[in-house]
PDB file of N, CA and C in Angstrom:
ATOM      1  N   MET A   1      -0.734   6.076  -0.604  1.00  0.00           N
ATOM      2  CA  MET A   1       0.145   5.027  -0.537  1.00  0.00           C
ATOM      3  C   MET A   1       0.342   4.168  -1.511  1.00  0.00           C
ATOM      4  N   ILE A   2      -0.738   3.709  -2.035  1.00  0.00           N
ATOM      5  CA  ILE A   2      -0.910   2.955  -3.013  1.00  0.00           C
ATOM      6  C   ILE A   2      -0.604   3.324  -4.352  1.00  0.00           C
ATOM      7  N   SER A   3      -0.186   4.665  -4.690  1.00  0.00           N
ATOM      8  CA  SER A   3       0.392   4.897  -5.629  1.00  0.00           C
ATOM      9  C   SER A   3       1.618   4.740  -5.611  1.00  0.00           C
ATOM     10  N   GLU A   4       2.169   5.191  -4.238  1.00  0.00           N
ATOM     11  CA  GLU A   4       3.308   4.928  -4.300  1.00  0.00           C
ATOM     12  C   GLU A   4       4.297   3.590  -4.690  1.00  0.00           C
ATOM     13  N   SER A   5       3.500   2.269  -4.654  1.00  0.00           N
ATOM     14  CA  SER A   5       3.964   1.105  -5.006  1.00  0.00           C
ATOM     15  C   SER A   5       4.036   1.043  -6.342  1.00  0.00           C
ATOM     16  N   PHE A   6       3.411   1.706  -7.098  1.00  0.00           N
ATOM     17  CA  PHE A   6       3.773   1.781  -8.486  1.00  0.00           C
ATOM     18  C   PHE A   6       4.843   2.692  -9.111  1.00  0.00           C
ATOM     19  N   ASP A   7       5.324   3.675  -8.381  1.00  0.00           N
ATOM     20  CA  ASP A   7       6.531   4.545  -8.739  1.00  0.00           C
ATOM     21  C   ASP A   7       7.776   4.019  -8.979  1.00  0.00           C
ATOM     22  N   VAL A   8       7.969   2.621  -8.215  1.00  0.00           N
ATOM     23  CA  VAL A   8       9.427   1.984  -8.793  1.00  0.00           C
ATOM     24  C   VAL A   8       9.302   1.225  -9.838  1.00  0.00           C
ATOM     25  N   ARG A   9       8.087   0.854  -9.813  1.00  0.00           N
ATOM     26  CA  ARG A   9       7.864   0.189 -11.406  1.00  0.00           C
ATOM     27  C   ARG A   9       8.095   1.208 -12.248  1.00  0.00           C
ATOM     28  N   ASP A  10       7.264   2.012 -12.295  1.00  0.00           N
ATOM     29  CA  ASP A  10       7.492   3.432 -13.501  1.00  0.00           C
ATOM     30  C   ASP A  10       8.597   3.692 -13.635  1.00  0.00           C
ATOM     31  N   GLU A  11       9.171   4.067 -12.360  1.00  0.00           N
ATOM     32  CA  GLU A  11      10.825   4.865 -12.916  1.00  0.00           C
ATOM     33  C   GLU A  11      11.739   3.909 -13.579  1.00  0.00           C
ATOM     34  N   SER A  12      11.619   2.499 -12.943  1.00  0.00           N
ATOM     35  CA  SER A  12      12.686   1.568 -13.531  1.00  0.00           C
ATOM     36  C   SER A  12      12.307   1.416 -15.053  1.00  0.00           C
ATOM     37  N   GLY A  13      11.195   1.386 -15.305  1.00  0.00           N
ATOM     38  CA  GLY A  13      10.849   0.952 -16.792  1.00  0.00           C
ATOM     39  C   GLY A  13      10.176  -0.516 -16.796  1.00  0.00           C
ATOM     40  N   ILE A  14      10.177  -1.073 -15.750  1.00  0.00           N
ATOM     41  CA  ILE A  14       9.870  -2.719 -15.484  1.00  0.00           C
ATOM     42  C   ILE A  14       8.428  -2.629 -16.020  1.00  0.00           C
ATOM     43  N   GLU A  15       7.911  -3.698 -16.892  1.00  0.00           N
ATOM     44  CA  GLU A  15       6.920  -3.731 -17.256  1.00  0.00           C
ATOM     45  C   GLU A  15       6.034  -4.755 -16.048  1.00  0.00           C
ATOM     46  N   GLU A  16       4.534  -4.423 -16.235  1.00  0.00           N
ATOM     47  CA  GLU A  16       3.593  -4.969 -15.043  1.00  0.00           C
ATOM     48  C   GLU A  16       3.967  -6.523 -14.630  1.00  0.00           C
ATOM     49  N   ASP A  17       4.032  -7.107 -15.833  1.00  0.00           N
ATOM     50  CA  ASP A  17       4.108  -8.617 -15.491  1.00  0.00           C
ATOM     51  C   ASP A  17       5.587  -9.533 -15.458  1.00  0.00           C
ATOM     52  N   SER A  18       6.155  -8.808 -15.642  1.00  0.00           N
ATOM     53  CA  SER A  18       7.544  -9.221 -15.599  1.00  0.00           C
ATOM     54  C   SER A  18       8.241  -9.525 -14.322  1.00  0.00           C
ATOM     55  N   GLU A  19       8.991 -10.534 -14.216  1.00  0.00           N
ATOM     56  CA  GLU A  19       9.582 -11.159 -13.132  1.00  0.00           C
ATOM     57  C   GLU A  19      11.091 -10.813 -13.089  1.00  0.00           C
ATOM     58  N   LEU A  20      11.429 -10.465 -11.721  1.00  0.00           N
ATOM     59  CA  LEU A  20      13.057 -10.042 -11.555  1.00  0.00           C
ATOM     60  C   LEU A  20      13.563 -10.934 -10.828  1.00  0.00           C
ATOM     61  N   LEU A  21      14.784 -10.857 -10.949  1.00  0.00           N
ATOM     62  CA  LEU A  21      15.561 -12.018  -9.957  1.00  0.00           C
ATOM     63  C   LEU A  21      15.588 -11.349  -8.681  1.00  0.00           C
ATOM     64  N   ALA A  22      16.153 -11.575  -7.768  1.00  0.00           N
ATOM     65  CA  ALA A  22      16.232 -10.998  -6.236  1.00  0.00           C
ATOM     66  C   ALA A  22      17.340  -9.662  -6.611  1.00  0.00           C
ATOM     67  N   GLY A  23      18.451 -10.288  -7.183  1.00  0.00           N
ATOM     68  CA  GLY A  23      19.074  -9.262  -7.155  1.00  0.00           C
ATOM     69  C   GLY A  23      19.237  -7.964  -8.060  1.00  0.00           C
ATOM     70  N   GLU A  24      17.953  -7.920  -9.135  1.00  0.00           N
ATOM     71  CA  GLU A  24      17.779  -6.982  -9.988  1.00  0.00           C
ATOM     72  C   GLU A  24      16.524  -6.374  -9.517  1.00  0.00           C
ATOM     73  N   ARG A  25      16.393  -6.274  -8.255  1.00  0.00           N
ATOM     74  CA  ARG A  25      14.949  -5.463  -7.670  1.00  0.00           C
ATOM     75  C   ARG A  25      16.047  -4.481  -6.944  1.00  0.00           C
ATOM     76  N   ALA A  26      15.287  -3.337  -6.992  1.00  0.00           N
ATOM     77  CA  ALA A  26      15.768  -1.716  -6.272  1.00  0.00           C
ATOM     78  C   ALA A  26      15.568  -2.121  -4.839  1.00  0.00           C
ATOM     79  N   GLU A  27      16.415  -1.357  -4.362  1.00  0.00           N
ATOM     80  CA  GLU A  27      16.582  -1.594  -2.842  1.00  0.00           C
ATOM     81  C   GLU A  27      15.325  -0.984  -2.014  1.00  0.00           C
ATOM     82  N   GLU A  28      14.692   0.146  -2.919  1.00  0.00           N
ATOM     83  CA  GLU A  28      13.326   0.339  -2.650  1.00  0.00           C
ATOM     84  C   GLU A  28      12.275  -0.537  -2.326  1.00  0.00           C
ATOM     85  N   TYR A  29      12.342  -1.562  -3.494  1.00  0.00           N
ATOM     86  CA  TYR A  29      11.555  -2.699  -3.441  1.00  0.00           C
ATOM     87  C   TYR A  29      11.657  -3.373  -2.301  1.00  0.00           C
ATOM     88  N   HIS A  30      12.916  -3.784  -2.156  1.00  0.00           N
ATOM     89  CA  HIS A  30      13.079  -4.981  -0.646  1.00  0.00           C
ATOM     90  C   HIS A  30      12.377  -3.781   0.794  1.00  0.00           C
ATOM     91  N   GLU A  31      12.151  -2.617   0.458  1.00  0.00           N
ATOM     92  CA  GLU A  31      12.042  -2.057   1.972  1.00  0.00           C
ATOM     93  C   GLU A  31      10.411  -1.841   1.835  1.00  0.00           C
ATOM     94  N   LYS A  32      10.087  -1.985   0.890  1.00  0.00           N
ATOM     95  CA  LYS A  32       8.323  -1.815   0.635  1.00  0.00           C
ATOM     96  C   LYS A  32       7.947  -2.995   0.773  1.00  0.00           C
ATOM     97  N   ALA A  33       8.498  -4.227   0.290  1.00  0.00           N
ATOM     98  CA  ALA A  33       7.647  -5.899   0.459  1.00  0.00           C
ATOM     99  C   ALA A  33       8.440  -5.948   1.934  1.00  0.00           C
ATOM    100  N   ASP A  34       8.899  -5.940   2.190  1.00  0.00           N
ATOM    101  CA  ASP A  34       9.679  -5.811   3.969  1.00  0.00           C
ATOM    102  C   ASP A  34       8.472  -5.112   4.764  1.00  0.00           C
ATOM    103  N   ARG A  35       7.992  -3.706   4.204  1.00  0.00           N
ATOM    104  CA  ARG A  35       6.954  -3.306   4.905  1.00  0.00           C
ATOM    105  C   ARG A  35       5.841  -3.845   4.989  1.00  0.00           C
ATOM    106  N   ALA A  36       5.405  -4.403   3.374  1.00  0.00           N
ATOM    107  CA  ALA A  36       4.078  -5.001   3.169  1.00  0.00           C
ATOM    108  C   ALA A  36       4.256  -6.118   4.245  1.00  0.00           C
ATOM    109  N   ARG A  37       5.009  -7.186   4.031  1.00  0.00           N
ATOM    110  CA  ARG A  37       5.289  -8.159   5.238  1.00  0.00           C
ATOM    111  C   ARG A  37       4.658  -7.935   6.660  1.00  0.00           C
ATOM    112  N   GLU A  38       4.992  -7.130   7.051  1.00  0.00           N
ATOM    113  CA  GLU A  38       4.892  -6.585   8.159  1.00  0.00           C
ATOM    114  C   GLU A  38       3.402  -6.085   8.738  1.00  0.00           C
ATOM    115  N   LEU A  39       3.054  -5.221   7.594  1.00  0.00           N
ATOM    116  CA  LEU A  39       1.689  -4.765   7.796  1.00  0.00           C
ATOM    117  C   LEU A  39       0.894  -6.164   7.532  1.00  0.00           C
ATOM    118  N   LEU A  40       0.852  -7.073   6.562  1.00  0.00           N
ATOM    119  CA  LEU A  40       0.147  -7.985   6.375  1.00  0.00           C
ATOM    120  C   LEU A  40       0.118  -9.017   7.790  1.00  0.00           C
ATOM    121  N   ASN A  41       1.018  -9.064   8.417  1.00  0.00           N
ATOM    122  CA  ASN A  41       1.413 -10.089   9.889  1.00  0.00           C
ATOM    123  C   ASN A  41       0.315  -9.323  10.815  1.00  0.00           C
ATOM    124  N   ARG A  42       0.644  -7.951  10.775  1.00  0.00           N
ATOM    125  CA  ARG A  42      -0.385  -7.186  12.125  1.00  0.00           C
ATOM    126  C   ARG A  42      -1.577  -7.553  11.825  1.00  0.00           C
ATOM    127  N   ILE A  43      -2.151  -7.757  10.363  1.00  0.00           N
ATOM    128  CA  ILE A  43      -3.295  -7.346  10.050  1.00  0.00           C
ATOM    129  C   ILE A  43      -3.820  -9.135  10.817  1.00  0.00           C
ATOM    130  N   ASP A  44      -3.185  -9.812  10.277  1.00  0.00           N
ATOM    131  CA  ASP A  44      -3.272 -11.488  10.364  1.00  0.00           C
ATOM    132  C   ASP A  44      -3.566 -11.363  11.979  1.00  0.00           C
ATOM    133  N   VAL A  45      -2.467 -10.968  12.735  1.00  0.00           N
ATOM    134  CA  VAL A  45      -3.029 -10.823  14.488  1.00  0.00           C
ATOM    135  C   VAL A  45      -4.299 -10.205  15.048  1.00  0.00           C
ATOM    136  N   MET A  46      -4.325  -8.988  14.065  1.00  0.00           N
ATOM    137  CA  MET A  46      -5.425  -8.361  14.423  1.00  0.00           C
ATOM    138  C   MET A  46      -6.881  -9.085  13.918  1.00  0.00           C
ATOM    139  N   ILE A  47      -6.922 -10.139  12.915  1.00  0.00           N
ATOM    140  CA  ILE A  47      -7.771 -10.588  12.666  1.00  0.00           C
ATOM    141  C   ILE A  47      -7.840 -11.914  13.836  1.00  0.00           C
ATOM    142  N   ALA A  48      -7.342 -12.622  13.980  1.00  0.00           N
ATOM    143  CA  ALA A  48      -7.277 -13.646  14.897  1.00  0.00           C
ATOM    144  C   ALA A  48      -7.420 -13.250  16.331  1.00  0.00           C
ATOM    145  N   VAL A  49      -6.554 -12.537  16.801  1.00  0.00           N
ATOM    146  CA  VAL A  49      -7.362 -11.541  18.341  1.00  0.00           C
ATOM    147  C   VAL A  49      -8.903 -11.357  18.240  1.00  0.00           C
ATOM    148  N   GLY A  50      -9.338 -10.669  17.224  1.00  0.00           N
ATOM    149  CA  GLY A  50     -10.863 -10.315  16.976  1.00  0.00           C
ATOM    150  C   GLY A  50     -11.422 -11.574  16.920  1.00  0.00           C
ATOM    151  N   ALA A  51     -11.073 -12.231  16.340  1.00  0.00           N
ATOM    152  CA  ALA A  51     -12.098 -13.912  16.313  1.00  0.00           C
ATOM    153  C   ALA A  51     -11.896 -14.603  17.587  1.00  0.00           C
ATOM    154  N   LEU A  52     -10.867 -14.407  18.035  1.00  0.00           N
ATOM    155  CA  LEU A  52     -10.930 -14.913  19.595  1.00  0.00           C
ATOM    156  C   LEU A  52     -11.466 -14.451  20.573  1.00  0.00           C
ATOM    157  N   ARG A  53     -11.421 -13.304  20.694  1.00  0.00           N
ATOM    158  CA  ARG A  53     -12.454 -12.383  21.270  1.00  0.00           C
ATOM    159  C   ARG A  53     -13.753 -12.133  21.499  1.00  0.00           C
ATOM    160  N   ARG A  54     -14.072 -12.168  20.238  1.00  0.00           N
ATOM    161  CA  ARG A  54     -15.523 -12.241  19.586  1.00  0.00           C
ATOM    162  C   ARG A  54     -16.448 -13.828  20.005  1.00  0.00           C
ATOM    163  N   ASP A  55     -15.302 -14.887  20.167  1.00  0.00           N
ATOM    164  CA  ASP A  55     -15.705 -16.126  20.423  1.00  0.00           C
ATOM    165  C   ASP A  55     -15.727 -16.218  22.149  1.00  0.00           C
ATOM    166  N   GLY A  56     -15.436 -15.362  22.926  1.00  0.00           N
ATOM    167  CA  GLY A  56     -15.086 -15.323  24.383  1.00  0.00           C
ATOM    168  C   GLY A  56     -14.067 -15.994  24.931  1.00  0.00           C
ATOM    169  N   LEU A  57     -13.145 -15.922  23.723  1.00  0.00           N
ATOM    170  CA  LEU A  57     -11.607 -16.736  24.213  1.00  0.00           C
ATOM    171  C   LEU A  57     -10.816 -15.588  24.850  1.00  0.00           C
ATOM    172  N   HIS A  58     -10.705 -14.655  25.466  1.00  0.00           N
ATOM    173  CA  HIS A  58     -10.252 -13.701  25.906  1.00  0.00           C
ATOM    174  C   HIS A  58      -8.323 -13.820  26.504  1.00  0.00           C
ATOM    175  N   GLU A  59      -8.827 -14.732  27.103  1.00  0.00           N
ATOM    176  CA  GLU A  59      -7.057 -15.260  27.656  1.00  0.00           C
ATOM    177  C   GLU A  59      -6.205 -16.091  26.383  1.00  0.00           C
ATOM    178  N   GLU A  60      -6.980 -16.470  25.667  1.00  0.00           N
ATOM    179  CA  GLU A  60      -6.336 -17.420  24.590  1.00  0.00           C
ATOM    180  C   GLU A  60      -5.753 -16.022  23.406  1.00  0.00           C
ATOM    181  N   ALA A  61      -6.675 -15.112  23.398  1.00  0.00           N
ATOM    182  CA  ALA A  61      -6.554 -13.764  22.340  1.00  0.00           C
ATOM    183  C   ALA A  61      -5.379 -13.242  23.191  1.00  0.00           C
ATOM    184  N   GLU A  62      -5.009 -12.930  24.593  1.00  0.00           N
ATOM    185  CA  GLU A  62      -3.930 -12.545  25.044  1.00  0.00           C
ATOM    186  C   GLU A  62      -3.013 -13.382  24.913  1.00  0.00           C
ATOM    187  N   MET A  63      -2.634 -14.540  24.819  1.00  0.00           N
ATOM    188  CA  MET A  63      -1.494 -15.616  24.751  1.00  0.00           C
ATOM    189  C   MET A  63      -1.370 -15.084  23.464  1.00  0.00           C
ATOM    190  N   PHE A  64      -2.361 -15.101  22.429  1.00  0.00           N
ATOM    191  CA  PHE A  64      -1.428 -14.931  21.165  1.00  0.00           C
ATOM    192  C   PHE A  64      -0.953 -13.833  20.408  1.00  0.00           C
ATOM    193  N   GLU A  65      -1.620 -12.393  21.427  1.00  0.00           N
ATOM    194  CA  GLU A  65      -0.845 -11.282  21.337  1.00  0.00           C
ATOM    195  C   GLU A  65       0.514 -11.253  21.757  1.00  0.00           C
ATOM    196  N   VAL A  66       0.634 -12.281  23.011  1.00  0.00           N
ATOM    197  CA  VAL A  66       1.918 -11.697  23.737  1.00  0.00           C
ATOM    198  C   VAL A  66       3.019 -12.896  23.202  1.00  0.00           C
ATOM    199  N   ASP A  67       2.611 -14.140  22.841  1.00  0.00           N
ATOM    200  CA  ASP A  67       3.512 -14.987  22.623  1.00  0.00           C
ATOM    201  C   ASP A  67       2.924 -16.186  21.581  1.00  0.00           C
ATOM    202  N   GLU A  68       2.559 -15.819  20.068  1.00  0.00           N
ATOM    203  CA  GLU A  68       2.073 -16.584  19.010  1.00  0.00           C
ATOM    204  C   GLU A  68       2.777 -18.179  19.009  1.00  0.00           C
ATOM    205  N   HIS A  69       3.842 -18.312  19.269  1.00  0.00           N
ATOM    206  CA  HIS A  69       4.705 -19.527  19.438  1.00  0.00           C
ATOM    207  C   HIS A  69       3.667 -20.503  20.582  1.00  0.00           C
ATOM    208  N   ALA A  70       4.097 -19.881  21.610  1.00  0.00           N
ATOM    209  CA  ALA A  70       3.007 -20.362  22.756  1.00  0.00           C
ATOM    210  C   ALA A  70       1.484 -21.025  22.284  1.00  0.00           C
ATOM    211  N   PHE A  71       0.999 -20.091  21.896  1.00  0.00           N
ATOM    212  CA  PHE A  71      -0.432 -20.366  21.319  1.00  0.00           C
ATOM    213  C   PHE A  71      -0.331 -21.593  20.659  1.00  0.00           C
ATOM    214  N   GLY A  72       0.530 -21.395  19.503  1.00  0.00           N
ATOM    215  CA  GLY A  72       0.685 -22.275  18.357  1.00  0.00           C
ATOM    216  C   GLY A  72       0.588 -23.789  18.864  1.00  0.00           C
ATOM    217  N   GLU A  73       1.533 -23.688  20.008  1.00  0.00           N
ATOM    218  CA  GLU A  73       1.886 -25.310  20.744  1.00  0.00           C
ATOM    219  C   GLU A  73       0.292 -25.686  21.223  1.00  0.00           C
ATOM    220  N   LEU A  74       0.000 -24.549  22.012  1.00  0.00           N
ATOM    221  CA  LEU A  74      -1.222 -24.834  23.023  1.00  0.00           C
ATOM    222  C   LEU A  74      -2.452 -25.528  21.956  1.00  0.00           C
ATOM    223  N   THR A  75      -2.635 -24.899  20.745  1.00  0.00           N
ATOM    224  CA  THR A  75      -3.517 -25.532  19.604  1.00  0.00           C
ATOM    225  C   THR A  75      -3.199 -26.794  19.011  1.00  0.00           C
ATOM    226  N   SER A  76      -1.941 -26.613  18.843  1.00  0.00           N
ATOM    227  CA  SER A  76      -1.345 -28.044  18.170  1.00  0.00           C
ATOM    228  C   SER A  76      -1.803 -29.167  19.522  1.00  0.00           C
ATOM    229  N   ARG A  77      -1.306 -28.918  20.669  1.00  0.00           N
ATOM    230  CA  ARG A  77      -1.638 -30.035  21.494  1.00  0.00           C
ATOM    231  C   ARG A  77      -3.562 -30.062  21.796  1.00  0.00           C
ATOM    232  N   GLY A  78      -4.021 -29.316  21.555  1.00  0.00           N
ATOM    233  CA  GLY A  78      -5.520 -29.511  21.570  1.00  0.00           C
ATOM    234  C   GLY A  78      -5.850 -30.124  20.306  1.00  0.00           C
ATOM    235  N   TYR A  79      -5.489 -29.683  19.300  1.00  0.00           N
ATOM    236  CA  TYR A  79      -5.492 -30.640  18.140  1.00  0.00           C
ATOM    237  C   TYR A  79      -5.298 -31.911  17.955  1.00  0.00           C
ATOM    238  N   ARG A  80      -4.124 -32.415  18.531  1.00  0.00           N
ATOM    239  CA  ARG A  80      -3.723 -33.842  18.828  1.00  0.00           C
ATOM    240  C   ARG A  80      -4.611 -34.552  19.814  1.00  0.00           C
ATOM    241  N   THR A  81      -5.049 -33.850  21.062  1.00  0.00           N
ATOM    242  CA  THR A  81      -6.033 -34.207  21.903  1.00  0.00           C
ATOM    243  C   THR A  81      -7.315 -34.633  21.308  1.00  0.00           C
ATOM    244  N   LEU A  82      -7.797 -33.854  20.352  1.00  0.00           N
ATOM    245  CA  LEU A  82      -9.053 -33.958  19.643  1.00  0.00           C
ATOM    246  C   LEU A  82      -8.537 -35.163  18.464  1.00  0.00           C
ATOM    247  N   LYS A  83      -7.847 -35.185  17.996  1.00  0.00           N
ATOM    248  CA  LYS A  83      -7.468 -36.192  16.928  1.00  0.00           C
ATOM    249  C   LYS A  83      -7.052 -37.713  17.429  1.00  0.00           C
ATOM    250  N   ASP A  84      -6.350 -37.749  18.417  1.00  0.00           N
ATOM    251  CA  ASP A  84      -5.944 -39.052  18.755  1.00  0.00           C
ATOM    252  C   ASP A  84      -5.908 -39.282  20.491  1.00  0.00           C
ATOM    253  N   GLY A  85      -6.174 -38.783  21.025  1.00  0.00           N
ATOM    254  CA  GLY A  85      -6.227 -38.822  22.300  1.00  0.00           C
ATOM    255  C   GLY A  85      -4.912 -38.583  23.305  1.00  0.00           C
ATOM    256  N   THR A  86      -3.789 -38.148  22.678  1.00  0.00           N
ATOM    257  CA  THR A  86      -2.666 -38.098  23.536  1.00  0.00           C
ATOM    258  C   THR A  86      -2.704 -36.840  23.855  1.00  0.00           C
ATOM    259  N   GLY A  87      -2.801 -35.614  23.450  1.00  0.00           N
ATOM    260  CA  GLY A  87      -2.243 -34.342  23.766  1.00  0.00           C
ATOM    261  C   GLY A  87      -1.287 -33.662  23.990  1.00  0.00           C
ATOM    262  N   ALA A  88      -0.051 -34.769  24.440  1.00  0.00           N
ATOM    263  CA  ALA A  88       1.043 -34.431  24.989  1.00  0.00           C
ATOM    264  C   ALA A  88       2.097 -34.094  23.606  1.00  0.00           C
TER     265      ALA A  88
END
């Protein structure tokens, strides 16, 4: 899998450190970049959920998995409550 990431660059003759404008990138680059973003997001979720469960926050972990936005709102309210007592 890792070696596949170098195939596009090798086949195109692009040097390793060169920068390309978005329009100059091969379609395959975009597909692989999208897949990499998707995988990194899934890894982030796994790490966050694992940390929450490890700390006994099972309901919060479930919320994070189901609705990350709602979880973010909950943590923002909690932060504001701790910071300045508003929480709303």
